[in-house]
Amino acid sequence: MSLTEKFKLLIISLLVVVSASTAVYSQDQFDCDQQKWNRLTTSEQEKILENLRFEMLHERKPALQNTINELQSLRTERVALNSNNILKIPLRTGKLEVKALFKKARGEIICCTSEKIEAVLDTYRVIAVVDPNNPGKVLASFAGNDPNIPSAPISGSVKSDGKTAKITAGADWIELTYTGNNSYSCRTNKVPVKITATFID
C-alpha cells in the first residue's frame, strides 16, 4: 500500500469516527431540557449547535432545524442581561469568575428571575426568594462547608437604582454594582477588600 493510499485510508477513517461521534453527541444533547442546556458553557452550546447543523445537512434531517432554532432562542435569552430580577440590575444566568485580592473562585448564577435568585460559589450556595409575607423583602437561605453559615433563612431588604443593588440584613450589608461588559464590583461590611465578578461564558 502506497503512502498516498495510507493517507486516504486515514482520512476516511477519521471522517467515519467524526461522523459517528457527531451523530451520537448531537443525538444525546438535542433532547436536553432548558435547565441542562443553560448549565452548558457558551462554547459547549456552540459545539452542540455545530454538530446538529452537520447532522441536519449530511444526514439529511431537515426536522433538526426546529431543534436548532429552539436551542438558539434559549441561548439568546440566556446571554442577554436584563433587570427583571430581585436585584433589579442587569443580570443573567451563567458561570462567573470572582476575584478578591490575589484569590480567584468560580461561581454560577443558576436561576435569575423576579421571584428567585440561586447562585453557587465553590462549595457555597445561596437561594434568595421574595418574602411571601412581605413583598418588599427577600429571604436568603445558605448552604456550604462553613459552620458559621446561618442555618435558618435570613430576611433582608433590597434597594436598587438600576445599576447598584444594596442588600441589608440587620447590621450587615452587601452592595453589588454592574460595571458594564458583563462585570460587577461588590462591597460589603463583612470584608474590607474589593470583590469583582465577571461572566466567563
N, C-alpha and C. Protein backbone atom coordinates (compact mmCIF):
# COMPACT_ATOMS: atom_id res chain seq x y z
N MET A 1 0.85 -1.18 0.00
CA MET A 1 0.00 0.00 0.00
C MET A 1 0.90 1.24 0.00
N SER A 2 0.64 2.14 -0.91
CA SER A 2 1.47 3.34 -1.03
C SER A 2 1.14 4.33 0.08
N LEU A 3 2.01 5.33 0.25
CA LEU A 3 1.83 6.36 1.26
C LEU A 3 0.54 7.16 1.00
N THR A 4 0.24 7.43 -0.27
CA THR A 4 -0.97 8.16 -0.62
C THR A 4 -2.21 7.38 -0.24
N GLU A 5 -2.20 6.07 -0.51
CA GLU A 5 -3.35 5.23 -0.15
C GLU A 5 -3.54 5.16 1.36
N LYS A 6 -2.41 5.07 2.09
CA LYS A 6 -2.49 5.05 3.56
C LYS A 6 -3.08 6.36 4.08
N PHE A 7 -2.65 7.45 3.47
CA PHE A 7 -3.16 8.76 3.88
C PHE A 7 -4.66 8.86 3.63
N LYS A 8 -5.09 8.39 2.45
CA LYS A 8 -6.53 8.40 2.12
C LYS A 8 -7.32 7.55 3.11
N LEU A 9 -6.77 6.39 3.46
CA LEU A 9 -7.44 5.49 4.40
C LEU A 9 -7.56 6.15 5.78
N LEU A 10 -6.51 6.84 6.19
CA LEU A 10 -6.52 7.54 7.46
C LEU A 10 -7.59 8.64 7.48
N ILE A 11 -7.66 9.40 6.39
CA ILE A 11 -8.66 10.48 6.29
C ILE A 11 -10.08 9.91 6.33
N ILE A 12 -10.31 8.83 5.58
CA ILE A 12 -11.64 8.21 5.56
C ILE A 12 -11.99 7.69 6.95
N SER A 13 -11.03 7.07 7.64
CA SER A 13 -11.27 6.56 9.00
C SER A 13 -11.63 7.70 9.94
N LEU A 14 -10.90 8.80 9.85
CA LEU A 14 -11.18 9.96 10.71
C LEU A 14 -12.58 10.51 10.44
N LEU A 15 -12.96 10.59 9.16
CA LEU A 15 -14.29 11.09 8.82
C LEU A 15 -15.38 10.19 9.37
N VAL A 16 -15.17 8.88 9.31
CA VAL A 16 -16.16 7.94 9.85
C VAL A 16 -16.29 8.12 11.36
N VAL A 17 -15.14 8.22 12.05
CA VAL A 17 -15.15 8.39 13.51
C VAL A 17 -15.83 9.70 13.88
N VAL A 18 -15.48 10.79 13.19
CA VAL A 18 -16.07 12.09 13.48
C VAL A 18 -17.57 12.08 13.21
N SER A 19 -17.99 11.48 12.09
CA SER A 19 -19.41 11.42 11.77
C SER A 19 -20.18 10.64 12.82
N ALA A 20 -19.62 9.51 13.22
CA ALA A 20 -20.31 8.68 14.22
C ALA A 20 -20.39 9.39 15.56
N SER A 21 -19.28 10.00 15.99
CA SER A 21 -19.30 10.68 17.30
C SER A 21 -20.19 11.91 17.25
N THR A 22 -20.22 12.61 16.11
CA THR A 22 -21.10 13.78 15.98
C THR A 22 -22.56 13.37 16.10
N ALA A 23 -22.92 12.29 15.42
CA ALA A 23 -24.31 11.84 15.47
C ALA A 23 -24.70 11.44 16.88
N VAL A 24 -23.81 10.73 17.58
CA VAL A 24 -24.12 10.30 18.95
C VAL A 24 -24.19 11.51 19.88
N TYR A 25 -23.20 12.41 19.75
CA TYR A 25 -23.13 13.57 20.64
C TYR A 25 -24.36 14.46 20.47
N SER A 26 -24.72 14.73 19.22
CA SER A 26 -25.86 15.61 19.00
C SER A 26 -27.16 14.92 19.38
N GLN A 27 -27.25 13.61 19.14
CA GLN A 27 -28.46 12.88 19.50
C GLN A 27 -28.69 12.95 21.00
N ASP A 28 -27.61 12.81 21.79
CA ASP A 28 -27.74 12.88 23.25
C ASP A 28 -28.15 14.28 23.70
N GLN A 29 -27.66 15.30 23.00
CA GLN A 29 -27.79 16.65 23.51
C GLN A 29 -29.07 17.37 23.09
N PHE A 30 -29.60 17.11 21.88
CA PHE A 30 -30.71 17.96 21.47
C PHE A 30 -32.01 17.61 22.17
N ASP A 31 -32.03 16.51 22.92
CA ASP A 31 -33.21 16.18 23.71
C ASP A 31 -33.17 16.80 25.10
N CYS A 32 -32.09 17.50 25.42
CA CYS A 32 -31.93 18.01 26.78
C CYS A 32 -32.92 19.15 27.06
N ASP A 33 -33.28 19.29 28.33
CA ASP A 33 -34.23 20.33 28.70
C ASP A 33 -33.52 21.66 28.89
N GLN A 34 -34.30 22.70 29.16
CA GLN A 34 -33.74 24.05 29.26
C GLN A 34 -32.73 24.17 30.39
N GLN A 35 -32.97 23.52 31.51
CA GLN A 35 -32.06 23.62 32.64
C GLN A 35 -30.69 23.03 32.30
N LYS A 36 -30.69 21.85 31.66
CA LYS A 36 -29.42 21.23 31.26
C LYS A 36 -28.71 22.10 30.23
N TRP A 37 -29.47 22.63 29.27
CA TRP A 37 -28.89 23.49 28.24
C TRP A 37 -28.24 24.72 28.86
N ASN A 38 -28.91 25.34 29.85
CA ASN A 38 -28.38 26.54 30.48
C ASN A 38 -27.14 26.28 31.32
N ARG A 39 -26.95 25.04 31.74
CA ARG A 39 -25.76 24.70 32.54
C ARG A 39 -24.50 24.58 31.69
N LEU A 40 -24.68 24.45 30.37
CA LEU A 40 -23.53 24.33 29.48
C LEU A 40 -22.90 25.70 29.26
N THR A 41 -21.59 25.71 29.01
CA THR A 41 -20.92 26.97 28.67
C THR A 41 -21.31 27.37 27.25
N THR A 42 -21.01 28.61 26.90
CA THR A 42 -21.32 29.10 25.55
C THR A 42 -20.60 28.27 24.50
N SER A 43 -19.34 27.90 24.75
CA SER A 43 -18.59 27.10 23.77
C SER A 43 -19.18 25.70 23.64
N GLU A 44 -19.64 25.11 24.75
CA GLU A 44 -20.27 23.79 24.69
C GLU A 44 -21.58 23.87 23.90
N GLN A 45 -22.35 24.93 24.12
CA GLN A 45 -23.59 25.11 23.37
C GLN A 45 -23.31 25.25 21.88
N GLU A 46 -22.28 26.03 21.54
CA GLU A 46 -21.94 26.25 20.14
C GLU A 46 -21.52 24.94 19.48
N LYS A 47 -20.78 24.10 20.21
CA LYS A 47 -20.34 22.82 19.67
C LYS A 47 -21.55 21.93 19.36
N ILE A 48 -22.53 21.91 20.26
CA ILE A 48 -23.73 21.11 20.03
C ILE A 48 -24.49 21.64 18.82
N LEU A 49 -24.61 22.96 18.70
CA LEU A 49 -25.30 23.54 17.54
C LEU A 49 -24.57 23.19 16.24
N GLU A 50 -23.23 23.23 16.26
CA GLU A 50 -22.45 22.85 15.07
C GLU A 50 -22.71 21.40 14.70
N ASN A 51 -22.72 20.53 15.72
CA ASN A 51 -22.95 19.10 15.47
C ASN A 51 -24.35 18.85 14.90
N LEU A 52 -25.33 19.58 15.43
CA LEU A 52 -26.70 19.43 14.92
C LEU A 52 -26.81 19.91 13.47
N ARG A 53 -26.14 21.04 13.16
CA ARG A 53 -26.16 21.54 11.78
C ARG A 53 -25.51 20.54 10.83
N PHE A 54 -24.38 19.97 11.29
CA PHE A 54 -23.67 18.98 10.49
C PHE A 54 -24.57 17.78 10.22
N GLU A 55 -25.21 17.28 11.28
CA GLU A 55 -26.10 16.12 11.14
C GLU A 55 -27.29 16.46 10.24
N MET A 56 -27.85 17.65 10.39
CA MET A 56 -29.00 18.05 9.58
C MET A 56 -28.63 18.04 8.09
N LEU A 57 -27.45 18.58 7.75
CA LEU A 57 -27.05 18.68 6.35
C LEU A 57 -26.56 17.36 5.78
N HIS A 58 -25.71 16.67 6.53
CA HIS A 58 -25.08 15.47 5.99
C HIS A 58 -25.91 14.20 6.15
N GLU A 59 -26.78 14.20 7.11
CA GLU A 59 -27.66 13.04 7.30
C GLU A 59 -29.05 13.30 6.73
N ARG A 60 -29.21 14.48 6.14
CA ARG A 60 -30.48 14.89 5.52
C ARG A 60 -31.65 14.76 6.51
N LYS A 61 -31.53 15.50 7.60
CA LYS A 61 -32.58 15.51 8.62
C LYS A 61 -33.07 16.94 8.80
N PRO A 62 -33.90 17.44 7.88
CA PRO A 62 -34.34 18.84 7.95
C PRO A 62 -35.15 19.16 9.21
N ALA A 63 -35.73 18.14 9.84
CA ALA A 63 -36.53 18.37 11.06
C ALA A 63 -35.66 18.90 12.21
N LEU A 64 -34.35 18.68 12.12
CA LEU A 64 -33.45 19.18 13.18
C LEU A 64 -33.39 20.70 13.21
N GLN A 65 -33.80 21.37 12.13
CA GLN A 65 -33.77 22.83 12.10
C GLN A 65 -34.63 23.42 13.21
N ASN A 66 -35.77 22.78 13.52
CA ASN A 66 -36.63 23.26 14.61
C ASN A 66 -35.91 23.19 15.94
N THR A 67 -35.18 22.09 16.17
CA THR A 67 -34.42 21.93 17.40
C THR A 67 -33.32 22.98 17.50
N ILE A 68 -32.63 23.21 16.39
CA ILE A 68 -31.56 24.22 16.36
C ILE A 68 -32.13 25.60 16.68
N ASN A 69 -33.27 25.93 16.07
CA ASN A 69 -33.90 27.24 16.32
C ASN A 69 -34.29 27.39 17.78
N GLU A 70 -34.83 26.31 18.36
CA GLU A 70 -35.26 26.37 19.76
C GLU A 70 -34.06 26.56 20.70
N LEU A 71 -32.99 25.80 20.46
CA LEU A 71 -31.80 25.92 21.30
C LEU A 71 -31.16 27.30 21.15
N GLN A 72 -31.16 27.84 19.93
CA GLN A 72 -30.59 29.18 19.72
C GLN A 72 -31.41 30.23 20.44
N SER A 73 -32.73 30.09 20.46
CA SER A 73 -33.55 31.08 21.16
C SER A 73 -33.31 31.00 22.66
N LEU A 74 -33.15 29.78 23.21
CA LEU A 74 -32.82 29.65 24.63
C LEU A 74 -31.47 30.28 24.93
N ARG A 75 -30.53 30.11 24.02
CA ARG A 75 -29.20 30.68 24.20
C ARG A 75 -29.24 32.19 24.19
N THR A 76 -30.04 32.78 23.29
CA THR A 76 -30.16 34.23 23.22
C THR A 76 -30.75 34.77 24.51
N GLU A 77 -31.76 34.09 25.05
CA GLU A 77 -32.36 34.52 26.32
C GLU A 77 -31.33 34.48 27.43
N ARG A 78 -30.49 33.45 27.42
CA ARG A 78 -29.52 33.29 28.49
C ARG A 78 -28.44 34.37 28.46
N VAL A 79 -27.96 34.68 27.27
CA VAL A 79 -26.84 35.59 27.14
C VAL A 79 -27.25 37.04 27.41
N ALA A 80 -28.50 37.37 27.18
CA ALA A 80 -28.94 38.75 27.33
C ALA A 80 -29.10 39.13 28.80
N LEU A 81 -28.44 40.20 29.21
CA LEU A 81 -28.62 40.73 30.56
C LEU A 81 -29.97 41.44 30.63
N ASN A 82 -30.64 41.29 31.76
CA ASN A 82 -31.87 42.06 31.95
C ASN A 82 -32.05 42.36 33.42
N SER A 83 -32.88 43.34 33.70
CA SER A 83 -33.10 43.79 35.09
C SER A 83 -34.37 43.23 35.69
N ASN A 84 -34.97 42.24 35.05
CA ASN A 84 -36.19 41.63 35.57
C ASN A 84 -35.82 40.54 36.58
N ASN A 85 -35.23 40.96 37.70
CA ASN A 85 -34.82 40.03 38.75
C ASN A 85 -34.96 40.73 40.11
N ILE A 86 -34.75 40.00 41.17
CA ILE A 86 -34.93 40.54 42.53
C ILE A 86 -34.07 41.77 42.77
N LEU A 87 -32.84 41.77 42.21
CA LEU A 87 -31.92 42.89 42.46
C LEU A 87 -32.19 44.09 41.56
N LYS A 88 -32.93 43.88 40.48
CA LYS A 88 -33.29 44.96 39.54
C LYS A 88 -32.06 45.66 38.94
N ILE A 89 -31.00 44.87 38.72
CA ILE A 89 -29.82 45.35 37.99
C ILE A 89 -29.57 44.38 36.85
N PRO A 90 -28.82 44.77 35.80
CA PRO A 90 -28.56 43.85 34.69
C PRO A 90 -27.89 42.56 35.19
N LEU A 91 -28.53 41.43 34.89
CA LEU A 91 -28.06 40.15 35.40
C LEU A 91 -28.57 39.04 34.49
N ARG A 92 -27.98 37.85 34.60
CA ARG A 92 -28.42 36.69 33.83
C ARG A 92 -27.87 35.44 34.49
N THR A 93 -28.27 34.29 33.98
CA THR A 93 -27.67 33.05 34.44
C THR A 93 -26.34 32.85 33.72
N GLY A 94 -25.46 32.05 34.30
CA GLY A 94 -24.17 31.77 33.67
C GLY A 94 -23.07 31.62 34.69
N LYS A 95 -21.90 31.24 34.19
CA LYS A 95 -20.74 31.00 35.05
C LYS A 95 -19.95 32.29 35.25
N LEU A 96 -19.41 32.45 36.46
CA LEU A 96 -18.69 33.66 36.84
C LEU A 96 -17.29 33.32 37.37
N GLU A 97 -16.40 34.28 37.20
CA GLU A 97 -15.11 34.22 37.89
C GLU A 97 -15.11 35.36 38.90
N VAL A 98 -14.85 35.03 40.15
CA VAL A 98 -14.87 36.00 41.24
C VAL A 98 -13.44 36.21 41.74
N LYS A 99 -13.04 37.47 41.90
CA LYS A 99 -11.67 37.79 42.35
C LYS A 99 -11.73 38.68 43.58
N ALA A 100 -10.85 38.40 44.53
CA ALA A 100 -10.66 39.25 45.71
C ALA A 100 -9.18 39.21 46.04
N LEU A 101 -8.51 40.36 45.97
CA LEU A 101 -7.06 40.43 46.11
C LEU A 101 -6.42 39.47 45.11
N PHE A 102 -5.64 38.47 45.61
CA PHE A 102 -4.97 37.55 44.69
C PHE A 102 -5.67 36.20 44.60
N LYS A 103 -6.88 36.13 45.10
CA LYS A 103 -7.62 34.86 45.08
C LYS A 103 -8.70 34.89 44.02
N LYS A 104 -8.89 33.72 43.40
CA LYS A 104 -9.95 33.57 42.40
C LYS A 104 -10.84 32.42 42.81
N ALA A 105 -12.11 32.53 42.45
CA ALA A 105 -13.06 31.45 42.69
C ALA A 105 -14.01 31.40 41.51
N ARG A 106 -14.61 30.24 41.32
CA ARG A 106 -15.59 30.07 40.26
C ARG A 106 -16.98 30.02 40.87
N GLY A 107 -17.93 30.61 40.19
CA GLY A 107 -19.31 30.59 40.65
C GLY A 107 -20.26 30.48 39.48
N GLU A 108 -21.52 30.41 39.81
CA GLU A 108 -22.53 30.33 38.77
C GLU A 108 -23.86 30.86 39.29
N ILE A 109 -24.53 31.65 38.46
CA ILE A 109 -25.91 32.04 38.76
C ILE A 109 -26.79 31.02 38.03
N ILE A 110 -27.50 30.21 38.81
CA ILE A 110 -28.29 29.12 38.26
C ILE A 110 -29.69 29.58 37.87
N CYS A 111 -30.26 30.44 38.71
CA CYS A 111 -31.62 30.94 38.46
C CYS A 111 -31.62 32.45 38.70
N CYS A 112 -32.29 33.18 37.85
CA CYS A 112 -32.30 34.64 37.98
C CYS A 112 -33.64 35.16 37.45
N THR A 113 -34.64 35.24 38.35
CA THR A 113 -35.97 35.70 37.96
C THR A 113 -36.43 36.79 38.93
N SER A 114 -37.61 37.30 38.70
CA SER A 114 -38.16 38.33 39.59
C SER A 114 -38.61 37.73 40.92
N GLU A 115 -38.66 36.40 41.02
CA GLU A 115 -39.08 35.73 42.25
C GLU A 115 -37.94 35.06 43.00
N LYS A 116 -36.85 34.74 42.28
CA LYS A 116 -35.80 33.92 42.90
C LYS A 116 -34.45 34.14 42.23
N ILE A 117 -33.40 34.14 43.05
CA ILE A 117 -32.02 34.10 42.56
C ILE A 117 -31.33 32.95 43.29
N GLU A 118 -30.70 32.08 42.52
CA GLU A 118 -29.93 30.98 43.10
C GLU A 118 -28.53 31.04 42.54
N ALA A 119 -27.53 31.03 43.42
CA ALA A 119 -26.15 31.12 42.98
C ALA A 119 -25.26 30.23 43.83
N VAL A 120 -24.15 29.79 43.22
CA VAL A 120 -23.15 29.00 43.94
C VAL A 120 -21.80 29.66 43.75
N LEU A 121 -20.94 29.51 44.77
CA LEU A 121 -19.57 29.97 44.71
C LEU A 121 -18.73 28.90 45.39
N ASP A 122 -17.98 28.17 44.59
CA ASP A 122 -17.25 26.99 45.08
C ASP A 122 -18.23 26.06 45.80
N THR A 123 -18.07 25.90 47.13
CA THR A 123 -18.94 24.97 47.86
C THR A 123 -20.13 25.67 48.51
N TYR A 124 -20.26 26.98 48.33
CA TYR A 124 -21.34 27.72 48.98
C TYR A 124 -22.51 27.93 48.01
N ARG A 125 -23.70 27.91 48.58
CA ARG A 125 -24.91 28.12 47.78
C ARG A 125 -25.81 29.11 48.50
N VAL A 126 -26.39 30.03 47.75
CA VAL A 126 -27.37 30.96 48.31
C VAL A 126 -28.61 30.95 47.43
N ILE A 127 -29.75 30.91 48.07
CA ILE A 127 -31.02 31.00 47.37
C ILE A 127 -31.80 32.15 48.00
N ALA A 128 -32.11 33.16 47.20
CA ALA A 128 -32.88 34.31 47.69
C ALA A 128 -34.22 34.32 46.97
N VAL A 129 -35.29 34.42 47.75
CA VAL A 129 -36.64 34.47 47.18
C VAL A 129 -37.38 35.67 47.77
N VAL A 130 -38.38 36.13 47.05
CA VAL A 130 -39.23 37.20 47.57
C VAL A 130 -39.98 36.66 48.79
N ASP A 131 -39.95 37.43 49.87
CA ASP A 131 -40.65 37.02 51.10
C ASP A 131 -42.16 37.03 50.82
N PRO A 132 -42.82 35.86 50.93
CA PRO A 132 -44.26 35.81 50.62
C PRO A 132 -45.11 36.65 51.57
N ASN A 133 -44.59 36.89 52.81
CA ASN A 133 -45.33 37.69 53.79
C ASN A 133 -45.04 39.18 53.69
N ASN A 134 -43.96 39.52 52.97
CA ASN A 134 -43.57 40.92 52.85
C ASN A 134 -42.86 41.11 51.51
N PRO A 135 -43.60 41.42 50.45
CA PRO A 135 -43.01 41.52 49.10
C PRO A 135 -41.87 42.52 48.98
N GLY A 136 -41.72 43.44 49.94
CA GLY A 136 -40.62 44.40 49.90
C GLY A 136 -39.32 43.82 50.43
N LYS A 137 -39.34 42.57 50.90
CA LYS A 137 -38.14 41.95 51.47
C LYS A 137 -37.83 40.64 50.76
N VAL A 138 -36.62 40.13 51.01
CA VAL A 138 -36.23 38.83 50.47
C VAL A 138 -35.82 37.92 51.62
N LEU A 139 -35.96 36.62 51.38
CA LEU A 139 -35.48 35.61 52.32
C LEU A 139 -34.32 34.89 51.66
N ALA A 140 -33.18 34.85 52.35
CA ALA A 140 -31.99 34.20 51.79
C ALA A 140 -31.63 32.98 52.63
N SER A 141 -31.44 31.85 51.95
CA SER A 141 -31.00 30.61 52.60
C SER A 141 -29.60 30.28 52.12
N PHE A 142 -28.77 29.76 53.02
CA PHE A 142 -27.38 29.48 52.70
C PHE A 142 -27.04 28.02 52.97
N ALA A 143 -26.09 27.49 52.21
CA ALA A 143 -25.60 26.14 52.43
C ALA A 143 -24.11 26.12 52.07
N GLY A 144 -23.36 25.27 52.75
CA GLY A 144 -21.93 25.17 52.46
C GLY A 144 -21.18 24.49 53.58
N ASN A 145 -19.85 24.50 53.48
CA ASN A 145 -19.00 23.81 54.46
C ASN A 145 -18.66 24.64 55.69
N ASP A 146 -18.97 25.91 55.67
CA ASP A 146 -18.62 26.81 56.78
C ASP A 146 -19.63 26.65 57.92
N PRO A 147 -19.15 26.33 59.16
CA PRO A 147 -20.07 26.19 60.28
C PRO A 147 -20.73 27.51 60.69
N ASN A 148 -20.20 28.65 60.24
CA ASN A 148 -20.77 29.95 60.59
C ASN A 148 -21.94 30.35 59.69
N ILE A 149 -22.24 29.55 58.68
CA ILE A 149 -23.36 29.87 57.79
C ILE A 149 -24.67 29.76 58.58
N PRO A 150 -25.54 30.75 58.46
CA PRO A 150 -26.81 30.69 59.19
C PRO A 150 -27.63 29.46 58.78
N SER A 151 -28.21 28.81 59.77
CA SER A 151 -28.99 27.60 59.49
C SER A 151 -30.42 27.93 59.06
N ALA A 152 -30.92 29.08 59.46
CA ALA A 152 -32.29 29.48 59.10
C ALA A 152 -32.23 30.60 58.05
N PRO A 153 -33.25 30.71 57.22
CA PRO A 153 -33.28 31.81 56.24
C PRO A 153 -33.20 33.18 56.93
N ILE A 154 -32.52 34.12 56.28
CA ILE A 154 -32.36 35.47 56.81
C ILE A 154 -33.21 36.42 55.97
N SER A 155 -33.92 37.31 56.65
CA SER A 155 -34.74 38.29 55.95
C SER A 155 -33.93 39.56 55.73
N GLY A 156 -34.06 40.13 54.55
CA GLY A 156 -33.35 41.36 54.24
C GLY A 156 -34.13 42.21 53.26
N SER A 157 -33.68 43.44 53.08
CA SER A 157 -34.33 44.34 52.13
C SER A 157 -33.36 44.67 51.00
N VAL A 158 -33.93 44.98 49.85
CA VAL A 158 -33.12 45.30 48.67
C VAL A 158 -33.51 46.69 48.18
N LYS A 159 -32.51 47.53 47.98
CA LYS A 159 -32.72 48.84 47.35
C LYS A 159 -31.87 48.87 46.09
N SER A 160 -32.46 49.34 45.00
CA SER A 160 -31.76 49.34 43.72
C SER A 160 -32.02 50.62 42.96
N ASP A 161 -30.98 51.10 42.27
CA ASP A 161 -31.16 52.26 41.40
C ASP A 161 -31.04 51.86 39.92
N GLY A 162 -31.08 50.54 39.66
CA GLY A 162 -30.96 50.06 38.29
C GLY A 162 -29.56 49.68 37.90
N LYS A 163 -28.58 50.15 38.68
CA LYS A 163 -27.17 49.80 38.42
C LYS A 163 -26.53 49.18 39.65
N THR A 164 -26.91 49.66 40.83
CA THR A 164 -26.39 49.15 42.09
C THR A 164 -27.54 48.64 42.95
N ALA A 165 -27.34 47.44 43.49
CA ALA A 165 -28.32 46.87 44.42
C ALA A 165 -27.65 46.71 45.78
N LYS A 166 -28.32 47.21 46.83
CA LYS A 166 -27.80 47.08 48.19
C LYS A 166 -28.76 46.19 48.98
N ILE A 167 -28.21 45.09 49.48
CA ILE A 167 -28.99 44.14 50.27
C ILE A 167 -28.60 44.33 51.73
N THR A 168 -29.57 44.62 52.58
CA THR A 168 -29.31 44.85 54.00
C THR A 168 -30.06 43.82 54.83
N ALA A 169 -29.34 43.18 55.75
CA ALA A 169 -29.94 42.22 56.68
C ALA A 169 -29.41 42.54 58.07
N GLY A 170 -30.22 43.22 58.86
CA GLY A 170 -29.76 43.67 60.19
C GLY A 170 -28.66 44.70 60.03
N ALA A 171 -27.51 44.44 60.69
CA ALA A 171 -26.38 45.37 60.60
C ALA A 171 -25.49 45.06 59.40
N ASP A 172 -25.71 43.95 58.73
CA ASP A 172 -24.86 43.55 57.61
C ASP A 172 -25.44 44.04 56.29
N TRP A 173 -24.56 44.36 55.35
CA TRP A 173 -24.99 44.78 54.03
C TRP A 173 -23.98 44.33 52.98
N ILE A 174 -24.51 44.18 51.78
CA ILE A 174 -23.67 43.88 50.62
C ILE A 174 -24.19 44.70 49.45
N GLU A 175 -23.28 45.27 48.67
CA GLU A 175 -23.64 46.15 47.57
C GLU A 175 -23.05 45.58 46.28
N LEU A 176 -23.89 45.32 45.30
CA LEU A 176 -23.46 44.77 44.02
C LEU A 176 -23.73 45.79 42.93
N THR A 177 -22.68 46.16 42.19
CA THR A 177 -22.79 47.19 41.15
C THR A 177 -22.41 46.62 39.80
N TYR A 178 -23.28 46.82 38.81
CA TYR A 178 -22.95 46.42 37.45
C TYR A 178 -22.03 47.47 36.86
N THR A 179 -20.82 47.05 36.45
CA THR A 179 -19.82 47.99 35.94
C THR A 179 -19.71 47.96 34.42
N GLY A 180 -20.56 47.19 33.76
CA GLY A 180 -20.53 47.10 32.31
C GLY A 180 -19.70 45.92 31.84
N ASN A 181 -19.90 45.53 30.59
CA ASN A 181 -19.12 44.47 29.98
C ASN A 181 -19.23 43.14 30.73
N ASN A 182 -20.44 42.80 31.20
CA ASN A 182 -20.67 41.54 31.93
C ASN A 182 -19.87 41.45 33.23
N SER A 183 -19.55 42.59 33.83
CA SER A 183 -18.74 42.60 35.05
C SER A 183 -19.42 43.36 36.18
N TYR A 184 -19.02 43.01 37.41
CA TYR A 184 -19.63 43.58 38.61
C TYR A 184 -18.55 43.84 39.66
N SER A 185 -18.82 44.83 40.52
CA SER A 185 -17.97 45.03 41.69
C SER A 185 -18.86 44.84 42.91
N CYS A 186 -18.24 44.41 43.99
CA CYS A 186 -19.00 44.09 45.18
C CYS A 186 -18.30 44.67 46.41
N ARG A 187 -19.10 45.30 47.27
CA ARG A 187 -18.60 45.79 48.56
C ARG A 187 -19.49 45.24 49.66
N THR A 188 -18.90 45.01 50.82
CA THR A 188 -19.68 44.55 51.96
C THR A 188 -18.98 44.98 53.24
N ASN A 189 -19.76 45.11 54.30
CA ASN A 189 -19.14 45.47 55.57
C ASN A 189 -18.51 44.24 56.25
N LYS A 190 -18.64 43.06 55.65
CA LYS A 190 -18.07 41.84 56.23
C LYS A 190 -16.59 41.69 55.93
N VAL A 191 -16.15 42.21 54.77
CA VAL A 191 -14.72 42.13 54.41
C VAL A 191 -14.27 43.47 53.85
N PRO A 192 -13.02 43.86 54.12
CA PRO A 192 -12.57 45.19 53.69
C PRO A 192 -12.03 45.24 52.26
N VAL A 193 -12.01 44.13 51.54
CA VAL A 193 -11.41 44.13 50.21
C VAL A 193 -12.47 44.26 49.13
N LYS A 194 -12.01 44.73 47.98
CA LYS A 194 -12.90 44.85 46.82
C LYS A 194 -13.03 43.49 46.15
N ILE A 195 -14.24 43.16 45.78
CA ILE A 195 -14.51 41.88 45.11
C ILE A 195 -15.07 42.21 43.72
N THR A 196 -14.59 41.48 42.72
CA THR A 196 -15.11 41.67 41.36
C THR A 196 -15.62 40.33 40.83
N ALA A 197 -16.57 40.39 39.94
CA ALA A 197 -17.12 39.19 39.33
C ALA A 197 -17.36 39.47 37.85
N THR A 198 -17.04 38.49 37.00
CA THR A 198 -17.21 38.64 35.56
C THR A 198 -17.77 37.35 34.99
N PHE A 199 -18.75 37.47 34.11
CA PHE A 199 -19.26 36.28 33.42
C PHE A 199 -18.18 35.74 32.49
N ILE A 200 -17.96 34.44 32.52
CA ILE A 200 -16.92 33.85 31.69
C ILE A 200 -17.50 32.93 30.61
N ASP A 201 -18.81 32.95 30.44
CA ASP A 201 -19.41 32.18 29.35
C ASP A 201 -20.58 32.97 28.77
